[in-house]
Amino acid sequence: MYSIVSTVHIVLFVFVFILGINVIARALRGRSNNSLFTESDRKAGLFFMISLHTQLLIGLALYFFLSPITAAAFTDFGAAMKDPATRLIAVEHISVNIIAVVLATVNNAKNKKAIADAAKHKNALIFTLAALVLILSRIPWKLLF
C-alpha cells in the first residue's frame, strides 16, 4: 500500500509542477502585456491550488499512516533530528510544503477580491513562484532516484 500511495504522490507532483509553471507563465504574460486577468487565469490558479491540496492530503496519509520512514522517526525523534535524510522527511518536507499550500490558497483568496488585473497577475506570479520554489527545495531527491 505504501508504494502505491507513494507513487501516486510522486506522479501528482508532476501535475502540480506543470500547473504551477502554467500559472507562472500566464502571470508573466499578463504582466508583460498589461492584459486582463481572465477567467482562464483564475481557473489556472484554482486548479494549482486544488492539486496542491490533494497532494497535501495524500502526503498526510503517507506521513501519519503509511510511511516506514516517519514511523521510525516517531519512535526516536531525537535520533531522527540528527540524521539529515530522516529530518528532511519527518520535519522539513511536511512543514515547508504546508507553507506552499498556504501560499497558493492566499493567492487564490487575494485574487477573488476586486483589485486591479495587474495586481492579480502580480499575486499569481509571486505566490505561485514562492510555492514552487519551496516545494522544489524540500523534495527528497535521493529517495526518488
C-alpha atoms as a PDB file:
ATOM      1  CA  MET A   1       0.000   0.000   0.000  1.00  0.00           C
ATOM      2  CA  TYR A   2       2.828   2.407   0.870  1.00  0.00           C
ATOM      3  CA  SER A   3       4.491   2.011  -2.529  1.00  0.00           C
ATOM      4  CA  ILE A   4       1.235   2.655  -4.416  1.00  0.00           C
ATOM      5  CA  VAL A   5       0.345   5.779  -2.457  1.00  0.00           C
ATOM      6  CA  SER A   6       3.942   6.995  -2.624  1.00  0.00           C
ATOM      7  CA  THR A   7       3.944   6.555  -6.407  1.00  0.00           C
ATOM      8  CA  VAL A   8       0.662   8.479  -6.686  1.00  0.00           C
ATOM      9  CA  HIS A   9       2.219  11.234  -4.548  1.00  0.00           C
ATOM     10  CA  ILE A  10       5.214  11.427  -6.888  1.00  0.00           C
ATOM     11  CA  VAL A  11       3.143  11.350 -10.097  1.00  0.00           C
ATOM     12  CA  LEU A  12       0.784  14.001  -8.768  1.00  0.00           C
ATOM     13  CA  PHE A  13       3.800  16.219  -8.092  1.00  0.00           C
ATOM     14  CA  VAL A  14       4.465  16.266 -11.848  1.00  0.00           C
ATOM     15  CA  PHE A  15       0.942  17.594 -12.419  1.00  0.00           C
ATOM     16  CA  VAL A  16       1.337  20.127  -9.599  1.00  0.00           C
ATOM     17  CA  PHE A  17       4.586  21.329 -11.136  1.00  0.00           C
ATOM     18  CA  ILE A  18       3.085  21.644 -14.630  1.00  0.00           C
ATOM     19  CA  LEU A  19       0.055  23.524 -13.268  1.00  0.00           C
ATOM     20  CA  GLY A  20       2.342  25.836 -11.286  1.00  0.00           C
ATOM     21  CA  ILE A  21       4.502  26.584 -14.316  1.00  0.00           C
ATOM     22  CA  ASN A  22       1.309  27.307 -16.271  1.00  0.00           C
ATOM     23  CA  VAL A  23       0.174  29.834 -13.635  1.00  0.00           C
ATOM     24  CA  ILE A  24       3.604  31.500 -13.637  1.00  0.00           C
ATOM     25  CA  ALA A  25       3.691  31.682 -17.456  1.00  0.00           C
ATOM     26  CA  ARG A  26       0.172  33.163 -17.562  1.00  0.00           C
ATOM     27  CA  ALA A  27       1.095  35.714 -14.887  1.00  0.00           C
ATOM     28  CA  LEU A  28       4.285  36.726 -16.702  1.00  0.00           C
ATOM     29  CA  ARG A  29       2.379  37.082 -19.962  1.00  0.00           C
ATOM     30  CA  GLY A  30      -0.366  39.062 -18.239  1.00  0.00           C
ATOM     31  CA  ARG A  31       2.100  41.424 -16.584  1.00  0.00           C
ATOM     32  CA  SER A  32       4.179  41.982 -19.713  1.00  0.00           C
ATOM     33  CA  ASN A  33       1.123  42.634 -21.926  1.00  0.00           C
ATOM     34  CA  ASN A  34      -0.895  44.506 -19.284  1.00  0.00           C
ATOM     35  CA  SER A  35      -3.744  42.171 -20.129  1.00  0.00           C
ATOM     36  CA  LEU A  36      -6.902  41.415 -18.205  1.00  0.00           C
ATOM     37  CA  PHE A  37      -6.938  38.746 -15.535  1.00  0.00           C
ATOM     38  CA  THR A  38      -9.268  36.352 -17.291  1.00  0.00           C
ATOM     39  CA  GLU A  39     -11.450  33.518 -16.060  1.00  0.00           C
ATOM     40  CA  SER A  40      -8.825  31.145 -17.511  1.00  0.00           C
ATOM     41  CA  ASP A  41      -6.153  32.797 -15.367  1.00  0.00           C
ATOM     42  CA  ARG A  42      -8.350  32.413 -12.289  1.00  0.00           C
ATOM     43  CA  LYS A  43      -9.046  28.765 -13.072  1.00  0.00           C
ATOM     44  CA  ALA A  44      -5.346  28.035 -13.640  1.00  0.00           C
ATOM     45  CA  GLY A  45      -4.614  29.304 -10.132  1.00  0.00           C
ATOM     46  CA  LEU A  46      -7.595  27.409  -8.741  1.00  0.00           C
ATOM     47  CA  PHE A  47      -6.510  24.117 -10.335  1.00  0.00           C
ATOM     48  CA  PHE A  48      -2.987  24.642  -8.996  1.00  0.00           C
ATOM     49  CA  MET A  49      -4.399  25.198  -5.510  1.00  0.00           C
ATOM     50  CA  ILE A  50      -6.711  22.172  -5.733  1.00  0.00           C
ATOM     51  CA  SER A  51      -3.866  19.945  -6.916  1.00  0.00           C
ATOM     52  CA  LEU A  52      -1.724  21.144  -4.003  1.00  0.00           C
ATOM     53  CA  HIS A  53      -4.495  20.418  -1.508  1.00  0.00           C
ATOM     54  CA  THR A  54      -4.924  16.943  -2.992  1.00  0.00           C
ATOM     55  CA  GLN A  55      -1.170  16.417  -2.817  1.00  0.00           C
ATOM     56  CA  LEU A  56      -1.225  17.536   0.819  1.00  0.00           C
ATOM     57  CA  LEU A  57      -3.958  15.054   1.735  1.00  0.00           C
ATOM     58  CA  ILE A  58      -2.063  12.192   0.111  1.00  0.00           C
ATOM     59  CA  GLY A  59       1.133  13.349   1.803  1.00  0.00           C
ATOM     60  CA  LEU A  60      -0.567  13.469   5.205  1.00  0.00           C
ATOM     61  CA  ALA A  61      -1.826   9.909   4.722  1.00  0.00           C
ATOM     62  CA  LEU A  62       1.720   8.839   3.916  1.00  0.00           C
ATOM     63  CA  TYR A  63       3.168  10.806   6.799  1.00  0.00           C
ATOM     64  CA  PHE A  64       0.858   9.633   9.572  1.00  0.00           C
ATOM     65  CA  PHE A  65      -0.248   6.167   8.465  1.00  0.00           C
ATOM     66  CA  LEU A  66       1.893   4.577   5.754  1.00  0.00           C
ATOM     67  CA  SER A  67       5.496   5.758   5.712  1.00  0.00           C
ATOM     68  CA  PRO A  68       8.055   3.499   7.363  1.00  0.00           C
ATOM     69  CA  ILE A  69      10.431   6.482   7.478  1.00  0.00           C
ATOM     70  CA  THR A  70       8.132   8.621   9.617  1.00  0.00           C
ATOM     71  CA  ALA A  71       7.156   5.612  11.732  1.00  0.00           C
ATOM     72  CA  ALA A  72      10.838   5.067  12.526  1.00  0.00           C
ATOM     73  CA  ALA A  73      11.327   8.786  13.136  1.00  0.00           C
ATOM     74  CA  PHE A  74       8.450   8.886  15.619  1.00  0.00           C
ATOM     75  CA  THR A  75       9.968   6.062  17.656  1.00  0.00           C
ATOM     76  CA  ASP A  76      13.121   8.101  18.350  1.00  0.00           C
ATOM     77  CA  PHE A  77      12.638  11.704  17.264  1.00  0.00           C
ATOM     78  CA  GLY A  78      15.943  12.812  18.778  1.00  0.00           C
ATOM     79  CA  ALA A  79      17.884  10.408  16.602  1.00  0.00           C
ATOM     80  CA  ALA A  80      15.751  11.365  13.580  1.00  0.00           C
ATOM     81  CA  MET A  81      16.739  15.009  14.001  1.00  0.00           C
ATOM     82  CA  LYS A  82      20.423  14.065  13.876  1.00  0.00           C
ATOM     83  CA  ASP A  83      20.029  12.285  10.532  1.00  0.00           C
ATOM     84  CA  PRO A  84      19.592  14.863   7.727  1.00  0.00           C
ATOM     85  CA  ALA A  85      17.704  12.486   5.408  1.00  0.00           C
ATOM     86  CA  THR A  86      15.212  11.457   8.084  1.00  0.00           C
ATOM     87  CA  ARG A  87      14.829  15.042   9.299  1.00  0.00           C
ATOM     88  CA  LEU A  88      14.044  16.111   5.735  1.00  0.00           C
ATOM     89  CA  ILE A  89      11.092  13.712   5.587  1.00  0.00           C
ATOM     90  CA  ALA A  90       9.944  13.937   9.203  1.00  0.00           C
ATOM     91  CA  VAL A  91      10.057  17.713   9.623  1.00  0.00           C
ATOM     92  CA  GLU A  92      11.234  19.816   6.694  1.00  0.00           C
ATOM     93  CA  HIS A  93       9.276  18.249   3.820  1.00  0.00           C
ATOM     94  CA  ILE A  94       5.908  18.407   5.538  1.00  0.00           C
ATOM     95  CA  SER A  95       6.293  21.833   7.146  1.00  0.00           C
ATOM     96  CA  VAL A  96       7.640  23.615   4.071  1.00  0.00           C
ATOM     97  CA  ASN A  97       5.043  22.019   1.801  1.00  0.00           C
ATOM     98  CA  ILE A  98       2.233  23.089   4.133  1.00  0.00           C
ATOM     99  CA  ILE A  99       3.565  26.642   3.800  1.00  0.00           C
ATOM    100  CA  ALA A 100       3.499  26.241  -0.009  1.00  0.00           C
ATOM    101  CA  VAL A 101      -0.155  25.134   0.135  1.00  0.00           C
ATOM    102  CA  VAL A 102      -0.960  28.158   2.294  1.00  0.00           C
ATOM    103  CA  LEU A 103       0.725  30.454  -0.249  1.00  0.00           C
ATOM    104  CA  ALA A 104      -1.361  29.034  -3.099  1.00  0.00           C
ATOM    105  CA  THR A 105      -4.505  29.395  -1.009  1.00  0.00           C
ATOM    106  CA  VAL A 106      -3.668  33.008  -0.116  1.00  0.00           C
ATOM    107  CA  ASN A 107      -3.089  33.741  -3.797  1.00  0.00           C
ATOM    108  CA  ASN A 108      -6.493  32.334  -4.678  1.00  0.00           C
ATOM    109  CA  ALA A 109      -8.199  34.322  -1.888  1.00  0.00           C
ATOM    110  CA  LYS A 110      -6.454  37.586  -2.773  1.00  0.00           C
ATOM    111  CA  ASN A 111      -7.319  37.251  -6.447  1.00  0.00           C
ATOM    112  CA  LYS A 112     -11.031  36.840  -5.687  1.00  0.00           C
ATOM    113  CA  LYS A 113     -11.126  40.414  -4.451  1.00  0.00           C
ATOM    114  CA  ALA A 114     -11.930  43.366  -6.668  1.00  0.00           C
ATOM    115  CA  ILE A 115      -8.378  44.526  -7.299  1.00  0.00           C
ATOM    116  CA  ALA A 116      -6.626  45.618 -10.479  1.00  0.00           C
ATOM    117  CA  ASP A 117      -5.809  42.981 -13.055  1.00  0.00           C
ATOM    118  CA  ALA A 118      -2.111  43.863 -12.854  1.00  0.00           C
ATOM    119  CA  ALA A 119      -2.201  43.182  -9.098  1.00  0.00           C
ATOM    120  CA  LYS A 120      -3.861  39.811  -9.688  1.00  0.00           C
ATOM    121  CA  HIS A 121      -1.146  38.823 -12.165  1.00  0.00           C
ATOM    122  CA  LYS A 122       1.494  40.016  -9.688  1.00  0.00           C
ATOM    123  CA  ASN A 123      -0.082  37.986  -6.865  1.00  0.00           C
ATOM    124  CA  ALA A 124      -0.230  34.891  -9.062  1.00  0.00           C
ATOM    125  CA  LEU A 125       3.404  35.302 -10.051  1.00  0.00           C
ATOM    126  CA  ILE A 126       4.785  35.944  -6.574  1.00  0.00           C
ATOM    127  CA  PHE A 127       2.747  33.416  -4.589  1.00  0.00           C
ATOM    128  CA  THR A 128       2.971  30.605  -7.151  1.00  0.00           C
ATOM    129  CA  LEU A 129       6.682  31.096  -7.736  1.00  0.00           C
ATOM    130  CA  ALA A 130       7.322  31.118  -3.988  1.00  0.00           C
ATOM    131  CA  ALA A 131       5.221  27.970  -3.528  1.00  0.00           C
ATOM    132  CA  LEU A 132       7.060  26.111  -6.310  1.00  0.00           C
ATOM    133  CA  VAL A 133      10.487  27.155  -5.033  1.00  0.00           C
ATOM    134  CA  LEU A 134       9.574  25.942  -1.541  1.00  0.00           C
ATOM    135  CA  ILE A 135       8.242  22.649  -2.879  1.00  0.00           C
ATOM    136  CA  LEU A 136      11.324  22.034  -5.019  1.00  0.00           C
ATOM    137  CA  SER A 137      13.631  22.882  -2.124  1.00  0.00           C
ATOM    138  CA  ARG A 138      12.235  20.150   0.126  1.00  0.00           C
ATOM    139  CA  ILE A 139      11.762  17.241  -2.241  1.00  0.00           C
ATOM    140  CA  PRO A 140      13.678  14.185  -1.014  1.00  0.00           C
ATOM    141  CA  TRP A 141      15.501  13.709  -4.333  1.00  0.00           C
ATOM    142  CA  LYS A 142      17.665  10.857  -3.003  1.00  0.00           C
ATOM    143  CA  LEU A 143      14.559   8.772  -2.317  1.00  0.00           C
ATOM    144  CA  LEU A 144      13.335   9.269  -5.867  1.00  0.00           C
ATOM    145  CA  PHE A 145      16.466   8.098  -7.655  1.00  0.00           C
END
